Amino acid sequence: MPALIIGFMMVVVGTMAATESLWIIRRAIRVWPHRIGPRDTDRFLTAEFLVRYVGLMMAAAGIGLMLTELI
């Protein structure tokens, strides 16, 4: 039973990270303390990709955990 709860929480958090990451990155760009150059743009894009990737992997791990508990 605890695996179902943890798996569900992982799916929720992973999905939120994958879908809301664009808002977080745009907020970081707005409050960045200096002018944004080409290097900074690449860094922000890389950070957005990594946040989305980790979110999707977390959601996949949560689904796997829930399926392992159910089967």
PDB file of N, CA and C in Angstrom:
ATOM      1  N   MET A   1       0.809  -1.205   0.000  1.00  0.00           N
ATOM      2  CA  MET A   1       0.000   0.000   0.000  1.00  0.00           C
ATOM      3  C   MET A   1       0.855   1.275   0.000  1.00  0.00           C
ATOM      4  N   PRO A   2       1.935   1.322   0.782  1.00  0.00           N
ATOM      5  CA  PRO A   2       2.757   2.543   0.738  1.00  0.00           C
ATOM      6  C   PRO A   2       3.358   2.797  -0.645  1.00  0.00           C
ATOM      7  N   ALA A   3       3.641   1.728  -1.386  1.00  0.00           N
ATOM      8  CA  ALA A   3       4.212   1.915  -2.721  1.00  0.00           C
ATOM      9  C   ALA A   3       3.220   2.594  -3.660  1.00  0.00           C
ATOM     10  N   LEU A   4       1.942   2.315  -3.497  1.00  0.00           N
ATOM     11  CA  LEU A   4       0.925   2.980  -4.315  1.00  0.00           C
ATOM     12  C   LEU A   4       0.880   4.480  -4.024  1.00  0.00           C
ATOM     13  N   ILE A   5       0.941   4.822  -2.763  1.00  0.00           N
ATOM     14  CA  ILE A   5       0.895   6.234  -2.376  1.00  0.00           C
ATOM     15  C   ILE A   5       2.138   6.963  -2.874  1.00  0.00           C
ATOM     16  N   ILE A   6       3.308   6.366  -2.670  1.00  0.00           N
ATOM     17  CA  ILE A   6       4.559   6.985  -3.116  1.00  0.00           C
ATOM     18  C   ILE A   6       4.590   7.073  -4.637  1.00  0.00           C
ATOM     19  N   GLY A   7       4.143   6.015  -5.323  1.00  0.00           N
ATOM     20  CA  GLY A   7       4.108   6.020  -6.782  1.00  0.00           C
ATOM     21  C   GLY A   7       3.180   7.095  -7.317  1.00  0.00           C
ATOM     22  N   PHE A   8       2.008   7.244  -6.694  1.00  0.00           N
ATOM     23  CA  PHE A   8       1.072   8.287  -7.125  1.00  0.00           C
ATOM     24  C   PHE A   8       1.669   9.670  -6.923  1.00  0.00           C
ATOM     25  N   MET A   9       2.324   9.872  -5.784  1.00  0.00           N
ATOM     26  CA  MET A   9       2.950  11.170  -5.525  1.00  0.00           C
ATOM     27  C   MET A   9       4.066  11.447  -6.534  1.00  0.00           C
ATOM     28  N   MET A  10       4.825  10.421  -6.900  1.00  0.00           N
ATOM     29  CA  MET A  10       5.885  10.593  -7.892  1.00  0.00           C
ATOM     30  C   MET A  10       5.309  10.960  -9.256  1.00  0.00           C
ATOM     31  N   VAL A  11       4.194  10.338  -9.617  1.00  0.00           N
ATOM     32  CA  VAL A  11       3.555  10.660 -10.897  1.00  0.00           C
ATOM     33  C   VAL A  11       3.069  12.106 -10.900  1.00  0.00           C
ATOM     34  N   VAL A  12       2.456  12.530  -9.809  1.00  0.00           N
ATOM     35  CA  VAL A  12       1.938  13.906  -9.729  1.00  0.00           C
ATOM     36  C   VAL A  12       3.078  14.919  -9.797  1.00  0.00           C
ATOM     37  N   VAL A  13       4.108  14.715  -8.994  1.00  0.00           N
ATOM     38  CA  VAL A  13       5.234  15.659  -8.970  1.00  0.00           C
ATOM     39  C   VAL A  13       5.982  15.648 -10.309  1.00  0.00           C
ATOM     40  N   GLY A  14       6.187  14.471 -10.884  1.00  0.00           N
ATOM     41  CA  GLY A  14       6.866  14.376 -12.174  1.00  0.00           C
ATOM     42  C   GLY A  14       6.094  15.056 -13.286  1.00  0.00           C
ATOM     43  N   THR A  15       4.769  14.880 -13.288  1.00  0.00           N
ATOM     44  CA  THR A  15       3.941  15.529 -14.303  1.00  0.00           C
ATOM     45  C   THR A  15       3.960  17.036 -14.130  1.00  0.00           C
ATOM     46  N   MET A  16       3.898  17.490 -12.904  1.00  0.00           N
ATOM     47  CA  MET A  16       3.963  18.933 -12.660  1.00  0.00           C
ATOM     48  C   MET A  16       5.301  19.502 -13.107  1.00  0.00           C
ATOM     49  N   ALA A  17       6.377  18.793 -12.832  1.00  0.00           N
ATOM     50  CA  ALA A  17       7.702  19.273 -13.245  1.00  0.00           C
ATOM     51  C   ALA A  17       7.814  19.308 -14.761  1.00  0.00           C
ATOM     52  N   ALA A  18       7.235  18.324 -15.437  1.00  0.00           N
ATOM     53  CA  ALA A  18       7.333  18.276 -16.901  1.00  0.00           C
ATOM     54  C   ALA A  18       6.468  19.335 -17.564  1.00  0.00           C
ATOM     55  N   THR A  19       5.333  19.674 -16.978  1.00  0.00           N
ATOM     56  CA  THR A  19       4.437  20.629 -17.637  1.00  0.00           C
ATOM     57  C   THR A  19       4.654  22.063 -17.183  1.00  0.00           C
ATOM     58  N   GLU A  20       5.095  22.277 -15.959  1.00  0.00           N
ATOM     59  CA  GLU A  20       5.251  23.624 -15.429  1.00  0.00           C
ATOM     60  C   GLU A  20       6.676  24.151 -15.528  1.00  0.00           C
ATOM     61  N   SER A  21       7.585  23.387 -16.126  1.00  0.00           N
ATOM     62  CA  SER A  21       8.979  23.817 -16.159  1.00  0.00           C
ATOM     63  C   SER A  21       9.176  25.065 -17.004  1.00  0.00           C
ATOM     64  N   LEU A  22       8.367  25.235 -18.031  1.00  0.00           N
ATOM     65  CA  LEU A  22       8.520  26.413 -18.881  1.00  0.00           C
ATOM     66  C   LEU A  22       8.260  27.684 -18.088  1.00  0.00           C
ATOM     67  N   TRP A  23       7.261  27.673 -17.214  1.00  0.00           N
ATOM     68  CA  TRP A  23       6.965  28.836 -16.385  1.00  0.00           C
ATOM     69  C   TRP A  23       8.123  29.141 -15.445  1.00  0.00           C
ATOM     70  N   ILE A  24       8.720  28.117 -14.872  1.00  0.00           N
ATOM     71  CA  ILE A  24       9.830  28.321 -13.937  1.00  0.00           C
ATOM     72  C   ILE A  24      11.025  28.939 -14.651  1.00  0.00           C
ATOM     73  N   ILE A  25      11.334  28.462 -15.844  1.00  0.00           N
ATOM     74  CA  ILE A  25      12.476  28.980 -16.593  1.00  0.00           C
ATOM     75  C   ILE A  25      12.216  30.420 -17.044  1.00  0.00           C
ATOM     76  N   ARG A  26      11.009  30.708 -17.489  1.00  0.00           N
ATOM     77  CA  ARG A  26      10.700  32.084 -17.896  1.00  0.00           C
ATOM     78  C   ARG A  26      10.784  33.039 -16.710  1.00  0.00           C
ATOM     79  N   ARG A  27      10.370  32.592 -15.544  1.00  0.00           N
ATOM     80  CA  ARG A  27      10.474  33.419 -14.329  1.00  0.00           C
ATOM     81  C   ARG A  27      11.946  33.690 -14.013  1.00  0.00           C
ATOM     82  N   ALA A  28      12.788  32.685 -14.173  1.00  0.00           N
ATOM     83  CA  ALA A  28      14.220  32.866 -13.922  1.00  0.00           C
ATOM     84  C   ALA A  28      14.831  33.862 -14.911  1.00  0.00           C
ATOM     85  N   ILE A  29      14.381  33.828 -16.144  1.00  0.00           N
ATOM     86  CA  ILE A  29      14.891  34.775 -17.141  1.00  0.00           C
ATOM     87  C   ILE A  29      14.505  36.207 -16.770  1.00  0.00           C
ATOM     88  N   ARG A  30      13.272  36.391 -16.280  1.00  0.00           N
ATOM     89  CA  ARG A  30      12.812  37.744 -15.931  1.00  0.00           C
ATOM     90  C   ARG A  30      13.587  38.332 -14.763  1.00  0.00           C
ATOM     91  N   VAL A  31      13.981  37.522 -13.798  1.00  0.00           N
ATOM     92  CA  VAL A  31      14.660  38.050 -12.616  1.00  0.00           C
ATOM     93  C   VAL A  31      16.178  37.908 -12.701  1.00  0.00           C
ATOM     94  N   TRP A  32      16.695  37.513 -13.868  1.00  0.00           N
ATOM     95  CA  TRP A  32      18.136  37.366 -14.046  1.00  0.00           C
ATOM     96  C   TRP A  32      18.792  38.723 -13.850  1.00  0.00           C
ATOM     97  N   PRO A  33      19.867  38.818 -13.055  1.00  0.00           N
ATOM     98  CA  PRO A  33      20.416  40.117 -12.659  1.00  0.00           C
ATOM     99  C   PRO A  33      21.201  40.885 -13.733  1.00  0.00           C
ATOM    100  N   HIS A  34      21.520  40.293 -14.855  1.00  0.00           N
ATOM    101  CA  HIS A  34      22.284  41.030 -15.866  1.00  0.00           C
ATOM    102  C   HIS A  34      21.722  40.722 -17.253  1.00  0.00           C
ATOM    103  N   ARG A  35      22.303  41.364 -18.264  1.00  0.00           N
ATOM    104  CA  ARG A  35      21.823  41.163 -19.634  1.00  0.00           C
ATOM    105  C   ARG A  35      22.014  39.710 -20.054  1.00  0.00           C
ATOM    106  N   ILE A  36      21.081  39.228 -20.806  1.00  0.00           N
ATOM    107  CA  ILE A  36      21.115  37.835 -21.248  1.00  0.00           C
ATOM    108  C   ILE A  36      21.752  37.774 -22.634  1.00  0.00           C
ATOM    109  N   GLY A  37      22.810  36.985 -22.741  1.00  0.00           N
ATOM    110  CA  GLY A  37      23.499  36.810 -24.004  1.00  0.00           C
ATOM    111  C   GLY A  37      23.190  35.448 -24.602  1.00  0.00           C
ATOM    112  N   PRO A  38      23.847  35.130 -25.708  1.00  0.00           N
ATOM    113  CA  PRO A  38      23.604  33.834 -26.364  1.00  0.00           C
ATOM    114  C   PRO A  38      23.948  32.640 -25.471  1.00  0.00           C
ATOM    115  N   ARG A  39      24.992  32.753 -24.680  1.00  0.00           N
ATOM    116  CA  ARG A  39      25.352  31.653 -23.777  1.00  0.00           C
ATOM    117  C   ARG A  39      24.272  31.418 -22.730  1.00  0.00           C
ATOM    118  N   ASP A  40      23.751  32.505 -22.192  1.00  0.00           N
ATOM    119  CA  ASP A  40      22.711  32.380 -21.173  1.00  0.00           C
ATOM    120  C   ASP A  40      21.449  31.742 -21.746  1.00  0.00           C
ATOM    121  N   THR A  41      21.122  32.073 -22.977  1.00  0.00           N
ATOM    122  CA  THR A  41      19.951  31.478 -23.617  1.00  0.00           C
ATOM    123  C   THR A  41      20.122  29.977 -23.728  1.00  0.00           C
ATOM    124  N   ASP A  42      21.316  29.543 -24.130  1.00  0.00           N
ATOM    125  CA  ASP A  42      21.576  28.109 -24.224  1.00  0.00           C
ATOM    126  C   ASP A  42      21.477  27.444 -22.858  1.00  0.00           C
ATOM    127  N   ARG A  43      21.953  28.113 -21.840  1.00  0.00           N
ATOM    128  CA  ARG A  43      21.876  27.547 -20.491  1.00  0.00           C
ATOM    129  C   ARG A  43      20.434  27.407 -20.021  1.00  0.00           C
ATOM    130  N   PHE A  44      19.617  28.413 -20.317  1.00  0.00           N
ATOM    131  CA  PHE A  44      18.213  28.334 -19.921  1.00  0.00           C
ATOM    132  C   PHE A  44      17.497  27.215 -20.670  1.00  0.00           C
ATOM    133  N   LEU A  45      17.791  27.059 -21.952  1.00  0.00           N
ATOM    134  CA  LEU A  45      17.168  25.985 -22.721  1.00  0.00           C
ATOM    135  C   LEU A  45      17.604  24.620 -22.204  1.00  0.00           C
ATOM    136  N   THR A  46      18.872  24.492 -21.860  1.00  0.00           N
ATOM    137  CA  THR A  46      19.361  23.241 -21.305  1.00  0.00           C
ATOM    138  C   THR A  46      18.712  22.951 -19.957  1.00  0.00           C
ATOM    139  N   ALA A  47      18.569  23.966 -19.126  1.00  0.00           N
ATOM    140  CA  ALA A  47      17.931  23.778 -17.829  1.00  0.00           C
ATOM    141  C   ALA A  47      16.479  23.351 -17.999  1.00  0.00           C
ATOM    142  N   GLU A  48      15.777  23.959 -18.950  1.00  0.00           N
ATOM    143  CA  GLU A  48      14.386  23.574 -19.184  1.00  0.00           C
ATOM    144  C   GLU A  48      14.300  22.124 -19.642  1.00  0.00           C
ATOM    145  N   PHE A  49      15.183  21.718 -20.545  1.00  0.00           N
ATOM    146  CA  PHE A  49      15.186  20.336 -21.006  1.00  0.00           C
ATOM    147  C   PHE A  49      15.438  19.370 -19.856  1.00  0.00           C
ATOM    148  N   LEU A  50      16.417  19.695 -19.008  1.00  0.00           N
ATOM    149  CA  LEU A  50      16.738  18.801 -17.900  1.00  0.00           C
ATOM    150  C   LEU A  50      15.591  18.694 -16.902  1.00  0.00           C
ATOM    151  N   VAL A  51      14.922  19.805 -16.610  1.00  0.00           N
ATOM    152  CA  VAL A  51      13.790  19.765 -15.683  1.00  0.00           C
ATOM    153  C   VAL A  51      12.671  18.910 -16.255  1.00  0.00           C
ATOM    154  N   ARG A  52      12.378  19.077 -17.534  1.00  0.00           N
ATOM    155  CA  ARG A  52      11.327  18.272 -18.156  1.00  0.00           C
ATOM    156  C   ARG A  52      11.711  16.799 -18.211  1.00  0.00           C
ATOM    157  N   TYR A  53      12.951  16.505 -18.541  1.00  0.00           N
ATOM    158  CA  TYR A  53      13.404  15.120 -18.635  1.00  0.00           C
ATOM    159  C   TYR A  53      13.327  14.425 -17.279  1.00  0.00           C
ATOM    160  N   VAL A  54      13.823  15.084 -16.248  1.00  0.00           N
ATOM    161  CA  VAL A  54      13.777  14.494 -14.911  1.00  0.00           C
ATOM    162  C   VAL A  54      12.329  14.330 -14.450  1.00  0.00           C
ATOM    163  N   GLY A  55      11.466  15.278 -14.778  1.00  0.00           N
ATOM    164  CA  GLY A  55      10.050  15.153 -14.437  1.00  0.00           C
ATOM    165  C   GLY A  55       9.401  13.960 -15.108  1.00  0.00           C
ATOM    166  N   LEU A  56       9.699  13.770 -16.396  1.00  0.00           N
ATOM    167  CA  LEU A  56       9.134  12.621 -17.100  1.00  0.00           C
ATOM    168  C   LEU A  56       9.679  11.307 -16.557  1.00  0.00           C
ATOM    169  N   MET A  57      10.958  11.268 -16.221  1.00  0.00           N
ATOM    170  CA  MET A  57      11.524  10.040 -15.656  1.00  0.00           C
ATOM    171  C   MET A  57      10.940   9.745 -14.281  1.00  0.00           C
ATOM    172  N   MET A  58      10.679  10.784 -13.517  1.00  0.00           N
ATOM    173  CA  MET A  58      10.064  10.598 -12.204  1.00  0.00           C
ATOM    174  C   MET A  58       8.642  10.060 -12.347  1.00  0.00           C
ATOM    175  N   ALA A  59       7.900  10.586 -13.308  1.00  0.00           N
ATOM    176  CA  ALA A  59       6.547  10.093 -13.548  1.00  0.00           C
ATOM    177  C   ALA A  59       6.584   8.641 -14.016  1.00  0.00           C
ATOM    178  N   ALA A  60       7.525   8.311 -14.876  1.00  0.00           N
ATOM    179  CA  ALA A  60       7.647   6.930 -15.343  1.00  0.00           C
ATOM    180  C   ALA A  60       8.022   5.985 -14.198  1.00  0.00           C
ATOM    181  N   ALA A  61       8.906   6.436 -13.317  1.00  0.00           N
ATOM    182  CA  ALA A  61       9.277   5.612 -12.166  1.00  0.00           C
ATOM    183  C   ALA A  61       8.082   5.425 -11.231  1.00  0.00           C
ATOM    184  N   GLY A  62       7.271   6.459 -11.064  1.00  0.00           N
ATOM    185  CA  GLY A  62       6.075   6.347 -10.238  1.00  0.00           C
ATOM    186  C   GLY A  62       5.077   5.366 -10.821  1.00  0.00           C
ATOM    187  N   ILE A  63       4.885   5.395 -12.134  1.00  0.00           N
ATOM    188  CA  ILE A  63       3.986   4.440 -12.783  1.00  0.00           C
ATOM    189  C   ILE A  63       4.524   3.020 -12.630  1.00  0.00           C
ATOM    190  N   GLY A  64       5.820   2.854 -12.790  1.00  0.00           N
ATOM    191  CA  GLY A  64       6.432   1.538 -12.595  1.00  0.00           C
ATOM    192  C   GLY A  64       6.262   1.050 -11.162  1.00  0.00           C
ATOM    193  N   LEU A  65       6.416   1.915 -10.219  1.00  0.00           N
ATOM    194  CA  LEU A  65       6.259   1.534  -8.806  1.00  0.00           C
ATOM    195  C   LEU A  65       4.826   1.114  -8.522  1.00  0.00           C
ATOM    196  N   MET A  66       3.865   1.862  -9.071  1.00  0.00           N
ATOM    197  CA  MET A  66       2.463   1.511  -8.856  1.00  0.00           C
ATOM    198  C   MET A  66       2.116   0.195  -9.534  1.00  0.00           C
ATOM    199  N   LEU A  67       2.634  -0.022 -10.744  1.00  0.00           N
ATOM    200  CA  LEU A  67       2.371  -1.291 -11.432  1.00  0.00           C
ATOM    201  C   LEU A  67       3.015  -2.469 -10.718  1.00  0.00           C
ATOM    202  N   THR A  68       4.190  -2.264 -10.164  1.00  0.00           N
ATOM    203  CA  THR A  68       4.852  -3.326  -9.407  1.00  0.00           C
ATOM    204  C   THR A  68       4.031  -3.695  -8.176  1.00  0.00           C
ATOM    205  N   GLU A  69       3.454  -2.722  -7.538  1.00  0.00           N
ATOM    206  CA  GLU A  69       2.630  -2.995  -6.351  1.00  0.00           C
ATOM    207  C   GLU A  69       1.328  -3.691  -6.734  1.00  0.00           C
ATOM    208  N   LEU A  70       0.745  -3.313  -7.861  1.00  0.00           N
ATOM    209  CA  LEU A  70      -0.534  -3.900  -8.263  1.00  0.00           C
ATOM    210  C   LEU A  70      -0.392  -5.322  -8.799  1.00  0.00           C
ATOM    211  N   ILE A  71       0.738  -5.611  -9.429  1.00  0.00           N
ATOM    212  CA  ILE A  71       0.915  -6.946 -10.027  1.00  0.00           C
ATOM    213  C   ILE A  71       1.591  -7.896  -9.108  1.00  0.00           C
TER     214      ILE A  71
END
